[in-house]
Amino acid sequence: MSKHPVSDEKLAIDFPEYVRRLAARLRKGADDYGDGSFTKRGPELCEELAQELMDICGWGFVLWTRIKDLENKLRAVEEQLDAASRSLPPSPLHSPVLQQSKLSEFLSFEPSKLRLGEP
């Protein structure tokens, strides 16, 4: 058995799609900008990469703020539900008397008195 079944599965199933998408992106870049990237000097490529990384980090921040907004909205909804449930009258199913009655019935249950098929 593999020591990394998840990685194996992801490589087998998802990696080919990743490569297809990457190839399509590279093709689009070549169509839009030509092959100039292959002749850029090292410092220029490093600067391009640094700019791309800043874009990725920026998108990460945008996503993080959206997640925080969703968390705050969820928290508000949960607080409203809690407040609404506290304003409802108590359920008779949760009354201490009924709970004690159910417990007594359970503790005094005798399987020999059970008659199947009878109301």
PDB file of N, CA and C in Angstrom:
ATOM      1  N   MET A   1       0.843  -1.181   0.000  1.00  0.00           N
ATOM      2  CA  MET A   1       0.000   0.000   0.000  1.00  0.00           C
ATOM      3  C   MET A   1       0.892   1.249   0.000  1.00  0.00           C
ATOM      4  N   SER A   2       0.476   2.239  -0.708  1.00  0.00           N
ATOM      5  CA  SER A   2       1.231   3.479  -0.837  1.00  0.00           C
ATOM      6  C   SER A   2       1.244   4.253   0.479  1.00  0.00           C
ATOM      7  N   LYS A   3       2.343   4.961   0.710  1.00  0.00           N
ATOM      8  CA  LYS A   3       2.444   5.806   1.898  1.00  0.00           C
ATOM      9  C   LYS A   3       1.776   7.159   1.657  1.00  0.00           C
ATOM     10  N   HIS A   4       1.348   7.412   0.439  1.00  0.00           N
ATOM     11  CA  HIS A   4       0.735   8.696   0.100  1.00  0.00           C
ATOM     12  C   HIS A   4      -0.373   8.495  -0.931  1.00  0.00           C
ATOM     13  N   PRO A   5      -1.466   7.816  -0.527  1.00  0.00           N
ATOM     14  CA  PRO A   5      -2.539   7.529  -1.492  1.00  0.00           C
ATOM     15  C   PRO A   5      -3.244   8.776  -2.016  1.00  0.00           C
ATOM     16  N   VAL A   6      -3.357   9.811  -1.194  1.00  0.00           N
ATOM     17  CA  VAL A   6      -4.030  11.027  -1.662  1.00  0.00           C
ATOM     18  C   VAL A   6      -3.201  11.682  -2.764  1.00  0.00           C
ATOM     19  N   SER A   7      -1.880  11.798  -2.532  1.00  0.00           N
ATOM     20  CA  SER A   7      -1.012  12.375  -3.552  1.00  0.00           C
ATOM     21  C   SER A   7      -1.052  11.549  -4.830  1.00  0.00           C
ATOM     22  N   ASP A   8      -1.016  10.253  -4.690  1.00  0.00           N
ATOM     23  CA  ASP A   8      -1.064   9.380  -5.870  1.00  0.00           C
ATOM     24  C   ASP A   8      -2.345   9.617  -6.665  1.00  0.00           C
ATOM     25  N   GLU A   9      -3.468   9.703  -5.949  1.00  0.00           N
ATOM     26  CA  GLU A   9      -4.744   9.905  -6.623  1.00  0.00           C
ATOM     27  C   GLU A   9      -4.792  11.275  -7.298  1.00  0.00           C
ATOM     28  N   LYS A  10      -4.340  12.303  -6.577  1.00  0.00           N
ATOM     29  CA  LYS A  10      -4.349  13.654  -7.151  1.00  0.00           C
ATOM     30  C   LYS A  10      -3.461  13.725  -8.396  1.00  0.00           C
ATOM     31  N   LEU A  11      -2.295  13.097  -8.338  1.00  0.00           N
ATOM     32  CA  LEU A  11      -1.411  13.098  -9.506  1.00  0.00           C
ATOM     33  C   LEU A  11      -2.055  12.364 -10.679  1.00  0.00           C
ATOM     34  N   ALA A  12      -2.719  11.264 -10.390  1.00  0.00           N
ATOM     35  CA  ALA A  12      -3.330  10.476 -11.462  1.00  0.00           C
ATOM     36  C   ALA A  12      -4.561  11.166 -12.053  1.00  0.00           C
ATOM     37  N   ILE A  13      -5.357  11.799 -11.209  1.00  0.00           N
ATOM     38  CA  ILE A  13      -6.632  12.356 -11.673  1.00  0.00           C
ATOM     39  C   ILE A  13      -6.524  13.835 -12.019  1.00  0.00           C
ATOM     40  N   ASP A  14      -5.948  14.628 -11.118  1.00  0.00           N
ATOM     41  CA  ASP A  14      -5.975  16.083 -11.275  1.00  0.00           C
ATOM     42  C   ASP A  14      -4.784  16.665 -12.029  1.00  0.00           C
ATOM     43  N   PHE A  15      -3.628  16.040 -11.941  1.00  0.00           N
ATOM     44  CA  PHE A  15      -2.438  16.624 -12.543  1.00  0.00           C
ATOM     45  C   PHE A  15      -2.544  16.746 -14.059  1.00  0.00           C
ATOM     46  N   PRO A  16      -3.085  15.763 -14.763  1.00  0.00           N
ATOM     47  CA  PRO A  16      -3.228  15.933 -16.224  1.00  0.00           C
ATOM     48  C   PRO A  16      -4.073  17.156 -16.591  1.00  0.00           C
ATOM     49  N   GLU A  17      -5.131  17.415 -15.838  1.00  0.00           N
ATOM     50  CA  GLU A  17      -5.960  18.605 -16.096  1.00  0.00           C
ATOM     51  C   GLU A  17      -5.149  19.874 -15.829  1.00  0.00           C
ATOM     52  N   TYR A  18      -4.365  19.866 -14.777  1.00  0.00           N
ATOM     53  CA  TYR A  18      -3.500  21.003 -14.451  1.00  0.00           C
ATOM     54  C   TYR A  18      -2.533  21.291 -15.601  1.00  0.00           C
ATOM     55  N   VAL A  19      -1.918  20.228 -16.130  1.00  0.00           N
ATOM     56  CA  VAL A  19      -0.969  20.389 -17.238  1.00  0.00           C
ATOM     57  C   VAL A  19      -1.682  20.918 -18.476  1.00  0.00           C
ATOM     58  N   ARG A  20      -2.891  20.421 -18.757  1.00  0.00           N
ATOM     59  CA  ARG A  20      -3.666  20.913 -19.911  1.00  0.00           C
ATOM     60  C   ARG A  20      -3.962  22.408 -19.762  1.00  0.00           C
ATOM     61  N   ARG A  21      -4.372  22.803 -18.573  1.00  0.00           N
ATOM     62  CA  ARG A  21      -4.667  24.218 -18.340  1.00  0.00           C
ATOM     63  C   ARG A  21      -3.412  25.081 -18.437  1.00  0.00           C
ATOM     64  N   LEU A  22      -2.317  24.582 -17.896  1.00  0.00           N
ATOM     65  CA  LEU A  22      -1.053  25.311 -17.974  1.00  0.00           C
ATOM     66  C   LEU A  22      -0.628  25.475 -19.433  1.00  0.00           C
ATOM     67  N   ALA A  23      -0.732  24.409 -20.200  1.00  0.00           N
ATOM     68  CA  ALA A  23      -0.357  24.472 -21.617  1.00  0.00           C
ATOM     69  C   ALA A  23      -1.236  25.474 -22.357  1.00  0.00           C
ATOM     70  N   ALA A  24      -2.523  25.492 -22.054  1.00  0.00           N
ATOM     71  CA  ALA A  24      -3.427  26.439 -22.707  1.00  0.00           C
ATOM     72  C   ALA A  24      -3.052  27.877 -22.331  1.00  0.00           C
ATOM     73  N   ARG A  25      -2.684  28.078 -21.083  1.00  0.00           N
ATOM     74  CA  ARG A  25      -2.274  29.421 -20.625  1.00  0.00           C
ATOM     75  C   ARG A  25      -0.980  29.852 -21.324  1.00  0.00           C
ATOM     76  N   LEU A  26      -0.038  28.939 -21.416  1.00  0.00           N
ATOM     77  CA  LEU A  26       1.216  29.253 -22.113  1.00  0.00           C
ATOM     78  C   LEU A  26       0.962  29.567 -23.584  1.00  0.00           C
ATOM     79  N   ARG A  27       0.078  28.818 -24.210  1.00  0.00           N
ATOM     80  CA  ARG A  27      -0.262  29.051 -25.611  1.00  0.00           C
ATOM     81  C   ARG A  27      -0.909  30.417 -25.786  1.00  0.00           C
ATOM     82  N   LYS A  28      -1.836  30.773 -24.880  1.00  0.00           N
ATOM     83  CA  LYS A  28      -2.485  32.075 -24.960  1.00  0.00           C
ATOM     84  C   LYS A  28      -1.447  33.182 -24.776  1.00  0.00           C
ATOM     85  N   GLY A  29      -0.530  33.015 -23.828  1.00  0.00           N
ATOM     86  CA  GLY A  29       0.522  34.010 -23.628  1.00  0.00           C
ATOM     87  C   GLY A  29       1.384  34.168 -24.865  1.00  0.00           C
ATOM     88  N   ALA A  30       1.717  33.061 -25.502  1.00  0.00           N
ATOM     89  CA  ALA A  30       2.523  33.120 -26.733  1.00  0.00           C
ATOM     90  C   ALA A  30       1.746  33.813 -27.851  1.00  0.00           C
ATOM     91  N   ASP A  31       0.440  33.513 -27.949  1.00  0.00           N
ATOM     92  CA  ASP A  31      -0.379  34.161 -28.976  1.00  0.00           C
ATOM     93  C   ASP A  31      -0.483  35.664 -28.722  1.00  0.00           C
ATOM     94  N   ASP A  32      -0.656  36.048 -27.465  1.00  0.00           N
ATOM     95  CA  ASP A  32      -0.830  37.463 -27.123  1.00  0.00           C
ATOM     96  C   ASP A  32       0.481  38.247 -27.157  1.00  0.00           C
ATOM     97  N   TYR A  33       1.561  37.630 -26.662  1.00  0.00           N
ATOM     98  CA  TYR A  33       2.810  38.380 -26.461  1.00  0.00           C
ATOM     99  C   TYR A  33       3.996  37.858 -27.266  1.00  0.00           C
ATOM    100  N   GLY A  34       3.825  36.781 -27.971  1.00  0.00           N
ATOM    101  CA  GLY A  34       4.932  36.211 -28.729  1.00  0.00           C
ATOM    102  C   GLY A  34       5.869  35.408 -27.817  1.00  0.00           C
ATOM    103  N   ASP A  35       7.058  35.140 -28.316  1.00  0.00           N
ATOM    104  CA  ASP A  35       8.020  34.318 -27.586  1.00  0.00           C
ATOM    105  C   ASP A  35       9.071  35.147 -26.845  1.00  0.00           C
ATOM    106  N   GLY A  36       8.798  36.425 -26.620  1.00  0.00           N
ATOM    107  CA  GLY A  36       9.763  37.318 -25.995  1.00  0.00           C
ATOM    108  C   GLY A  36      10.233  36.855 -24.623  1.00  0.00           C
ATOM    109  N   SER A  37       9.393  36.139 -23.887  1.00  0.00           N
ATOM    110  CA  SER A  37       9.783  35.684 -22.545  1.00  0.00           C
ATOM    111  C   SER A  37      11.007  34.779 -22.593  1.00  0.00           C
ATOM    112  N   PHE A  38      11.170  34.049 -23.686  1.00  0.00           N
ATOM    113  CA  PHE A  38      12.298  33.120 -23.778  1.00  0.00           C
ATOM    114  C   PHE A  38      13.631  33.828 -24.016  1.00  0.00           C
ATOM    115  N   THR A  39      13.566  35.081 -24.404  1.00  0.00           N
ATOM    116  CA  THR A  39      14.809  35.814 -24.651  1.00  0.00           C
ATOM    117  C   THR A  39      15.084  36.888 -23.590  1.00  0.00           C
ATOM    118  N   LYS A  40      14.173  37.029 -22.605  1.00  0.00           N
ATOM    119  CA  LYS A  40      14.396  38.012 -21.547  1.00  0.00           C
ATOM    120  C   LYS A  40      15.579  37.594 -20.693  1.00  0.00           C
ATOM    121  N   ARG A  41      16.271  38.567 -20.184  1.00  0.00           N
ATOM    122  CA  ARG A  41      17.398  38.304 -19.300  1.00  0.00           C
ATOM    123  C   ARG A  41      16.866  37.921 -17.918  1.00  0.00           C
ATOM    124  N   GLY A  42      17.709  37.299 -17.147  1.00  0.00           N
ATOM    125  CA  GLY A  42      17.344  36.817 -15.813  1.00  0.00           C
ATOM    126  C   GLY A  42      16.701  37.866 -14.923  1.00  0.00           C
ATOM    127  N   PRO A  43      17.305  39.062 -14.773  1.00  0.00           N
ATOM    128  CA  PRO A  43      16.695  40.073 -13.906  1.00  0.00           C
ATOM    129  C   PRO A  43      15.286  40.476 -14.356  1.00  0.00           C
ATOM    130  N   GLU A  44      15.053  40.532 -15.665  1.00  0.00           N
ATOM    131  CA  GLU A  44      13.722  40.871 -16.165  1.00  0.00           C
ATOM    132  C   GLU A  44      12.710  39.780 -15.803  1.00  0.00           C
ATOM    133  N   LEU A  45      13.141  38.528 -15.951  1.00  0.00           N
ATOM    134  CA  LEU A  45      12.252  37.421 -15.596  1.00  0.00           C
ATOM    135  C   LEU A  45      11.957  37.426 -14.093  1.00  0.00           C
ATOM    136  N   CYS A  46      12.972  37.730 -13.294  1.00  0.00           N
ATOM    137  CA  CYS A  46      12.766  37.804 -11.837  1.00  0.00           C
ATOM    138  C   CYS A  46      11.759  38.895 -11.497  1.00  0.00           C
ATOM    139  N   GLU A  47      11.860  40.032 -12.159  1.00  0.00           N
ATOM    140  CA  GLU A  47      10.911  41.127 -11.913  1.00  0.00           C
ATOM    141  C   GLU A  47       9.504  40.724 -12.325  1.00  0.00           C
ATOM    142  N   GLU A  48       9.366  40.062 -13.466  1.00  0.00           N
ATOM    143  CA  GLU A  48       8.049  39.570 -13.901  1.00  0.00           C
ATOM    144  C   GLU A  48       7.469  38.624 -12.854  1.00  0.00           C
ATOM    145  N   LEU A  49       8.303  37.707 -12.388  1.00  0.00           N
ATOM    146  CA  LEU A  49       7.845  36.735 -11.392  1.00  0.00           C
ATOM    147  C   LEU A  49       7.450  37.439 -10.095  1.00  0.00           C
ATOM    148  N   ALA A  50       8.242  38.415  -9.665  1.00  0.00           N
ATOM    149  CA  ALA A  50       7.923  39.161  -8.444  1.00  0.00           C
ATOM    150  C   ALA A  50       6.568  39.857  -8.584  1.00  0.00           C
ATOM    151  N   GLN A  51       6.302  40.441  -9.767  1.00  0.00           N
ATOM    152  CA  GLN A  51       5.013  41.096  -9.991  1.00  0.00           C
ATOM    153  C   GLN A  51       3.864  40.090  -9.949  1.00  0.00           C
ATOM    154  N   GLU A  52       4.080  38.924 -10.550  1.00  0.00           N
ATOM    155  CA  GLU A  52       3.038  37.888 -10.532  1.00  0.00           C
ATOM    156  C   GLU A  52       2.768  37.418  -9.106  1.00  0.00           C
ATOM    157  N   LEU A  53       3.822  37.258  -8.320  1.00  0.00           N
ATOM    158  CA  LEU A  53       3.641  36.830  -6.924  1.00  0.00           C
ATOM    159  C   LEU A  53       2.874  37.878  -6.121  1.00  0.00           C
ATOM    160  N   MET A  54       3.145  39.142  -6.381  1.00  0.00           N
ATOM    161  CA  MET A  54       2.387  40.198  -5.706  1.00  0.00           C
ATOM    162  C   MET A  54       0.910  40.125  -6.099  1.00  0.00           C
ATOM    163  N   ASP A  55       0.638  39.837  -7.376  1.00  0.00           N
ATOM    164  CA  ASP A  55      -0.758  39.666  -7.802  1.00  0.00           C
ATOM    165  C   ASP A  55      -1.413  38.520  -7.041  1.00  0.00           C
ATOM    166  N   ILE A  56      -0.715  37.406  -6.927  1.00  0.00           N
ATOM    167  CA  ILE A  56      -1.265  36.246  -6.220  1.00  0.00           C
ATOM    168  C   ILE A  56      -1.542  36.608  -4.764  1.00  0.00           C
ATOM    169  N   CYS A  57      -0.597  37.267  -4.126  1.00  0.00           N
ATOM    170  CA  CYS A  57      -0.794  37.684  -2.732  1.00  0.00           C
ATOM    171  C   CYS A  57      -1.971  38.650  -2.619  1.00  0.00           C
ATOM    172  N   GLY A  58      -2.084  39.553  -3.567  1.00  0.00           N
ATOM    173  CA  GLY A  58      -3.206  40.496  -3.559  1.00  0.00           C
ATOM    174  C   GLY A  58      -4.543  39.788  -3.679  1.00  0.00           C
ATOM    175  N   TRP A  59      -4.627  38.805  -4.582  1.00  0.00           N
ATOM    176  CA  TRP A  59      -5.863  38.041  -4.723  1.00  0.00           C
ATOM    177  C   TRP A  59      -6.149  37.243  -3.457  1.00  0.00           C
ATOM    178  N   GLY A  60      -5.092  36.769  -2.802  1.00  0.00           N
ATOM    179  CA  GLY A  60      -5.271  36.075  -1.524  1.00  0.00           C
ATOM    180  C   GLY A  60      -5.901  36.983  -0.482  1.00  0.00           C
ATOM    181  N   PHE A  61      -5.463  38.246  -0.448  1.00  0.00           N
ATOM    182  CA  PHE A  61      -6.042  39.210   0.484  1.00  0.00           C
ATOM    183  C   PHE A  61      -7.514  39.471   0.156  1.00  0.00           C
ATOM    184  N   VAL A  62      -7.817  39.628  -1.132  1.00  0.00           N
ATOM    185  CA  VAL A  62      -9.212  39.840  -1.544  1.00  0.00           C
ATOM    186  C   VAL A  62     -10.073  38.668  -1.093  1.00  0.00           C
ATOM    187  N   LEU A  63      -9.612  37.459  -1.326  1.00  0.00           N
ATOM    188  CA  LEU A  63     -10.363  36.276  -0.917  1.00  0.00           C
ATOM    189  C   LEU A  63     -10.509  36.223   0.599  1.00  0.00           C
ATOM    190  N   TRP A  64      -9.439  36.550   1.321  1.00  0.00           N
ATOM    191  CA  TRP A  64      -9.479  36.526   2.782  1.00  0.00           C
ATOM    192  C   TRP A  64     -10.538  37.501   3.304  1.00  0.00           C
ATOM    193  N   THR A  65     -10.617  38.708   2.710  1.00  0.00           N
ATOM    194  CA  THR A  65     -11.617  39.669   3.181  1.00  0.00           C
ATOM    195  C   THR A  65     -13.031  39.165   2.903  1.00  0.00           C
ATOM    196  N   ARG A  66     -13.212  38.489   1.780  1.00  0.00           N
ATOM    197  CA  ARG A  66     -14.548  37.943   1.473  1.00  0.00           C
ATOM    198  C   ARG A  66     -14.921  36.835   2.448  1.00  0.00           C
ATOM    199  N   ILE A  67     -13.957  36.007   2.807  1.00  0.00           N
ATOM    200  CA  ILE A  67     -14.213  34.951   3.789  1.00  0.00           C
ATOM    201  C   ILE A  67     -14.570  35.568   5.138  1.00  0.00           C
ATOM    202  N   LYS A  68     -13.837  36.604   5.547  1.00  0.00           N
ATOM    203  CA  LYS A  68     -14.141  37.269   6.817  1.00  0.00           C
ATOM    204  C   LYS A  68     -15.556  37.853   6.787  1.00  0.00           C
ATOM    205  N   ASP A  69     -15.944  38.470   5.671  1.00  0.00           N
ATOM    206  CA  ASP A  69     -17.301  39.015   5.551  1.00  0.00           C
ATOM    207  C   ASP A  69     -18.344  37.907   5.694  1.00  0.00           C
ATOM    208  N   LEU A  70     -18.106  36.778   5.042  1.00  0.00           N
ATOM    209  CA  LEU A  70     -19.042  35.651   5.143  1.00  0.00           C
ATOM    210  C   LEU A  70     -19.113  35.120   6.569  1.00  0.00           C
ATOM    211  N   GLU A  71     -17.970  35.039   7.248  1.00  0.00           N
ATOM    212  CA  GLU A  71     -17.962  34.592   8.643  1.00  0.00           C
ATOM    213  C   GLU A  71     -18.776  35.541   9.522  1.00  0.00           C
ATOM    214  N   ASN A  72     -18.623  36.845   9.307  1.00  0.00           N
ATOM    215  CA  ASN A  72     -19.378  37.821  10.092  1.00  0.00           C
ATOM    216  C   ASN A  72     -20.871  37.711   9.819  1.00  0.00           C
ATOM    217  N   LYS A  73     -21.252  37.517   8.565  1.00  0.00           N
ATOM    218  CA  LYS A  73     -22.666  37.352   8.224  1.00  0.00           C
ATOM    219  C   LYS A  73     -23.227  36.088   8.855  1.00  0.00           C
ATOM    220  N   LEU A  74     -22.464  35.010   8.824  1.00  0.00           N
ATOM    221  CA  LEU A  74     -22.906  33.756   9.433  1.00  0.00           C
ATOM    222  C   LEU A  74     -23.074  33.929  10.942  1.00  0.00           C
ATOM    223  N   ARG A  75     -22.127  34.600  11.566  1.00  0.00           N
ATOM    224  CA  ARG A  75     -22.204  34.845  13.007  1.00  0.00           C
ATOM    225  C   ARG A  75     -23.474  35.639  13.337  1.00  0.00           C
ATOM    226  N   ALA A  76     -23.792  36.661  12.540  1.00  0.00           N
ATOM    227  CA  ALA A  76     -24.989  37.467  12.768  1.00  0.00           C
ATOM    228  C   ALA A  76     -26.256  36.628  12.629  1.00  0.00           C
ATOM    229  N   VAL A  77     -26.302  35.766  11.614  1.00  0.00           N
ATOM    230  CA  VAL A  77     -27.469  34.899  11.420  1.00  0.00           C
ATOM    231  C   VAL A  77     -27.615  33.942  12.599  1.00  0.00           C
ATOM    232  N   GLU A  78     -26.504  33.364  13.055  1.00  0.00           N
ATOM    233  CA  GLU A  78     -26.561  32.458  14.199  1.00  0.00           C
ATOM    234  C   GLU A  78     -27.047  33.180  15.450  1.00  0.00           C
ATOM    235  N   GLU A  79     -26.612  34.415  15.650  1.00  0.00           N
ATOM    236  CA  GLU A  79     -27.068  35.188  16.809  1.00  0.00           C
ATOM    237  C   GLU A  79     -28.557  35.481  16.710  1.00  0.00           C
ATOM    238  N   GLN A  80     -29.049  35.779  15.498  1.00  0.00           N
ATOM    239  CA  GLN A  80     -30.479  36.018  15.318  1.00  0.00           C
ATOM    240  C   GLN A  80     -31.280  34.761  15.603  1.00  0.00           C
ATOM    241  N   LEU A  81     -30.768  33.618  15.143  1.00  0.00           N
ATOM    242  CA  LEU A  81     -31.462  32.356  15.406  1.00  0.00           C
ATOM    243  C   LEU A  81     -31.475  32.034  16.889  1.00  0.00           C
ATOM    244  N   ASP A  82     -30.361  32.272  17.561  1.00  0.00           N
ATOM    245  CA  ASP A  82     -30.307  32.037  19.008  1.00  0.00           C
ATOM    246  C   ASP A  82     -31.310  32.928  19.725  1.00  0.00           C
ATOM    247  N   ALA A  83     -31.356  34.208  19.361  1.00  0.00           N
ATOM    248  CA  ALA A  83     -32.290  35.144  19.998  1.00  0.00           C
ATOM    249  C   ALA A  83     -33.726  34.718  19.725  1.00  0.00           C
ATOM    250  N   ALA A  84     -34.007  34.296  18.490  1.00  0.00           N
ATOM    251  CA  ALA A  84     -35.366  33.862  18.146  1.00  0.00           C
ATOM    252  C   ALA A  84     -35.750  32.610  18.929  1.00  0.00           C
ATOM    253  N   SER A  85     -34.823  31.681  19.082  1.00  0.00           N
ATOM    254  CA  SER A  85     -35.154  30.443  19.801  1.00  0.00           C
ATOM    255  C   SER A  85     -35.360  30.710  21.290  1.00  0.00           C
ATOM    256  N   ARG A  86     -34.671  31.726  21.841  1.00  0.00           N
ATOM    257  CA  ARG A  86     -34.863  32.064  23.260  1.00  0.00           C
ATOM    258  C   ARG A  86     -36.210  32.743  23.491  1.00  0.00           C
ATOM    259  N   SER A  87     -36.768  33.366  22.454  1.00  0.00           N
ATOM    260  CA  SER A  87     -38.045  34.057  22.604  1.00  0.00           C
ATOM    261  C   SER A  87     -39.239  33.113  22.437  1.00  0.00           C
ATOM    262  N   LEU A  88     -39.000  31.902  21.983  1.00  0.00           N
ATOM    263  CA  LEU A  88     -40.087  30.935  21.822  1.00  0.00           C
ATOM    264  C   LEU A  88     -40.455  30.350  23.177  1.00  0.00           C
ATOM    265  N   PRO A  89     -41.738  29.972  23.341  1.00  0.00           N
ATOM    266  CA  PRO A  89     -42.098  29.317  24.607  1.00  0.00           C
ATOM    267  C   PRO A  89     -41.386  27.979  24.700  1.00  0.00           C
ATOM    268  N   PRO A  90     -41.092  27.524  25.905  1.00  0.00           N
ATOM    269  CA  PRO A  90     -40.393  26.243  26.053  1.00  0.00           C
ATOM    270  C   PRO A  90     -41.224  25.103  25.475  1.00  0.00           C
ATOM    271  N   SER A  91     -40.548  24.178  24.876  1.00  0.00           N
ATOM    272  CA  SER A  91     -41.211  23.020  24.286  1.00  0.00           C
ATOM    273  C   SER A  91     -41.619  22.047  25.387  1.00  0.00           C
ATOM    274  N   PRO A  92     -42.851  21.548  25.332  1.00  0.00           N
ATOM    275  CA  PRO A  92     -43.265  20.564  26.350  1.00  0.00           C
ATOM    276  C   PRO A  92     -42.448  19.280  26.263  1.00  0.00           C
ATOM    277  N   LEU A  93     -41.854  19.024  25.094  1.00  0.00           N
ATOM    278  CA  LEU A  93     -41.043  17.808  24.961  1.00  0.00           C
ATOM    279  C   LEU A  93     -39.783  17.870  25.807  1.00  0.00           C
ATOM    280  N   HIS A  94     -39.373  19.078  26.191  1.00  0.00           N
ATOM    281  CA  HIS A  94     -38.158  19.228  26.969  1.00  0.00           C
ATOM    282  C   HIS A  94     -38.416  19.572  28.429  1.00  0.00           C
ATOM    283  N   SER A  95     -39.682  19.474  28.838  1.00  0.00           N
ATOM    284  CA  SER A  95     -39.992  19.807  30.225  1.00  0.00           C
ATOM    285  C   SER A  95     -39.408  18.744  31.149  1.00  0.00           C
ATOM    286  N   PRO A  96     -38.966  19.152  32.342  1.00  0.00           N
ATOM    287  CA  PRO A  96     -38.382  18.183  33.287  1.00  0.00           C
ATOM    288  C   PRO A  96     -39.358  17.080  33.671  1.00  0.00           C
ATOM    289  N   VAL A  97     -40.655  17.419  33.788  1.00  0.00           N
ATOM    290  CA  VAL A  97     -41.646  16.408  34.174  1.00  0.00           C
ATOM    291  C   VAL A  97     -41.757  15.339  33.100  1.00  0.00           C
ATOM    292  N   LEU A  98     -41.855  15.760  31.834  1.00  0.00           N
ATOM    293  CA  LEU A  98     -41.955  14.799  30.736  1.00  0.00           C
ATOM    294  C   LEU A  98     -40.681  13.981  30.612  1.00  0.00           C
ATOM    295  N   GLN A  99     -39.553  14.612  30.776  1.00  0.00           N
ATOM    296  CA  GLN A  99     -38.287  13.883  30.698  1.00  0.00           C
ATOM    297  C   GLN A  99     -38.219  12.825  31.794  1.00  0.00           C
ATOM    298  N   GLN A 100     -38.657  13.170  33.015  1.00  0.00           N
ATOM    299  CA  GLN A 100     -38.660  12.205  34.120  1.00  0.00           C
ATOM    300  C   GLN A 100     -39.626  11.067  33.826  1.00  0.00           C
ATOM    301  N   SER A 101     -40.769  11.404  33.233  1.00  0.00           N
ATOM    302  CA  SER A 101     -41.765  10.397  32.875  1.00  0.00           C
ATOM    303  C   SER A 101     -41.197   9.427  31.842  1.00  0.00           C
ATOM    304  N   LYS A 102     -40.530   9.959  30.823  1.00  0.00           N
ATOM    305  CA  LYS A 102     -39.932   9.105  29.795  1.00  0.00           C
ATOM    306  C   LYS A 102     -38.855   8.210  30.394  1.00  0.00           C
ATOM    307  N   LEU A 103     -38.055   8.769  31.300  1.00  0.00           N
ATOM    308  CA  LEU A 103     -36.999   7.995  31.934  1.00  0.00           C
ATOM    309  C   LEU A 103     -37.605   6.879  32.774  1.00  0.00           C
ATOM    310  N   SER A 104     -38.676   7.182  33.498  1.00  0.00           N
ATOM    311  CA  SER A 104     -39.332   6.157  34.317  1.00  0.00           C
ATOM    312  C   SER A 104     -39.875   5.033  33.447  1.00  0.00           C
ATOM    313  N   GLU A 105     -40.503   5.427  32.329  1.00  0.00           N
ATOM    314  CA  GLU A 105     -41.024   4.416  31.406  1.00  0.00           C
ATOM    315  C   GLU A 105     -39.899   3.528  30.882  1.00  0.00           C
ATOM    316  N   PHE A 106     -38.781   4.135  30.549  1.00  0.00           N
ATOM    317  CA  PHE A 106     -37.650   3.389  30.011  1.00  0.00           C
ATOM    318  C   PHE A 106     -37.096   2.437  31.059  1.00  0.00           C
ATOM    319  N   LEU A 107     -36.942   2.923  32.286  1.00  0.00           N
ATOM    320  CA  LEU A 107     -36.348   2.089  33.338  1.00  0.00           C
ATOM    321  C   LEU A 107     -37.271   0.955  33.757  1.00  0.00           C
ATOM    322  N   SER A 108     -38.591   1.147  33.613  1.00  0.00           N
ATOM    323  CA  SER A 108     -39.525   0.099  34.029  1.00  0.00           C
ATOM    324  C   SER A 108     -39.949  -0.788  32.865  1.00  0.00           C
ATOM    325  N   PHE A 109     -39.364  -0.617  31.722  1.00  0.00           N
ATOM    326  CA  PHE A 109     -39.736  -1.375  30.531  1.00  0.00           C
ATOM    327  C   PHE A 109     -39.440  -2.857  30.745  1.00  0.00           C
ATOM    328  N   GLU A 110     -40.430  -3.685  30.432  1.00  0.00           N
ATOM    329  CA  GLU A 110     -40.264  -5.129  30.522  1.00  0.00           C
ATOM    330  C   GLU A 110     -40.520  -5.730  29.145  1.00  0.00           C
ATOM    331  N   PRO A 111     -39.468  -6.226  28.492  1.00  0.00           N
ATOM    332  CA  PRO A 111     -39.641  -6.785  27.147  1.00  0.00           C
ATOM    333  C   PRO A 111     -40.673  -7.897  27.084  1.00  0.00           C
ATOM    334  N   SER A 112     -40.859  -8.649  28.164  1.00  0.00           N
ATOM    335  CA  SER A 112     -41.818  -9.766  28.133  1.00  0.00           C
ATOM    336  C   SER A 112     -43.247  -9.271  27.970  1.00  0.00           C
ATOM    337  N   LYS A 113     -43.522  -8.007  28.321  1.00  0.00           N
ATOM    338  CA  LYS A 113     -44.870  -7.468  28.192  1.00  0.00           C
ATOM    339  C   LYS A 113     -45.111  -6.843  26.820  1.00  0.00           C
ATOM    340  N   LEU A 114     -44.105  -6.824  25.995  1.00  0.00           N
ATOM    341  CA  LEU A 114     -44.225  -6.232  24.669  1.00  0.00           C
ATOM    342  C   LEU A 114     -45.012  -7.166  23.767  1.00  0.00           C
ATOM    343  N   ARG A 115     -46.063  -6.647  23.175  1.00  0.00           N
ATOM    344  CA  ARG A 115     -46.880  -7.441  22.265  1.00  0.00           C
ATOM    345  C   ARG A 115     -46.798  -6.785  20.880  1.00  0.00           C
ATOM    346  N   LEU A 116     -46.122  -7.447  19.993  1.00  0.00           N
ATOM    347  CA  LEU A 116     -45.958  -6.915  18.648  1.00  0.00           C
ATOM    348  C   LEU A 116     -47.265  -6.994  17.883  1.00  0.00           C
ATOM    349  N   GLY A 117     -47.546  -5.983  17.110  1.00  0.00           N
ATOM    350  CA  GLY A 117     -48.753  -5.959  16.286  1.00  0.00           C
ATOM    351  C   GLY A 117     -49.956  -5.447  17.015  1.00  0.00           C
ATOM    352  N   GLU A 118     -49.861  -5.176  18.308  1.00  0.00           N
ATOM    353  CA  GLU A 118     -50.999  -4.621  19.059  1.00  0.00           C
ATOM    354  C   GLU A 118     -50.797  -3.125  19.231  1.00  0.00           C
ATOM    355  N   PRO A 119     -51.901  -2.378  19.206  1.00  0.00           N
ATOM    356  CA  PRO A 119     -51.789  -0.926  19.394  1.00  0.00           C
ATOM    357  C   PRO A 119     -51.379  -0.564  20.824  1.00  0.00           C
TER     358      PRO A 119
END
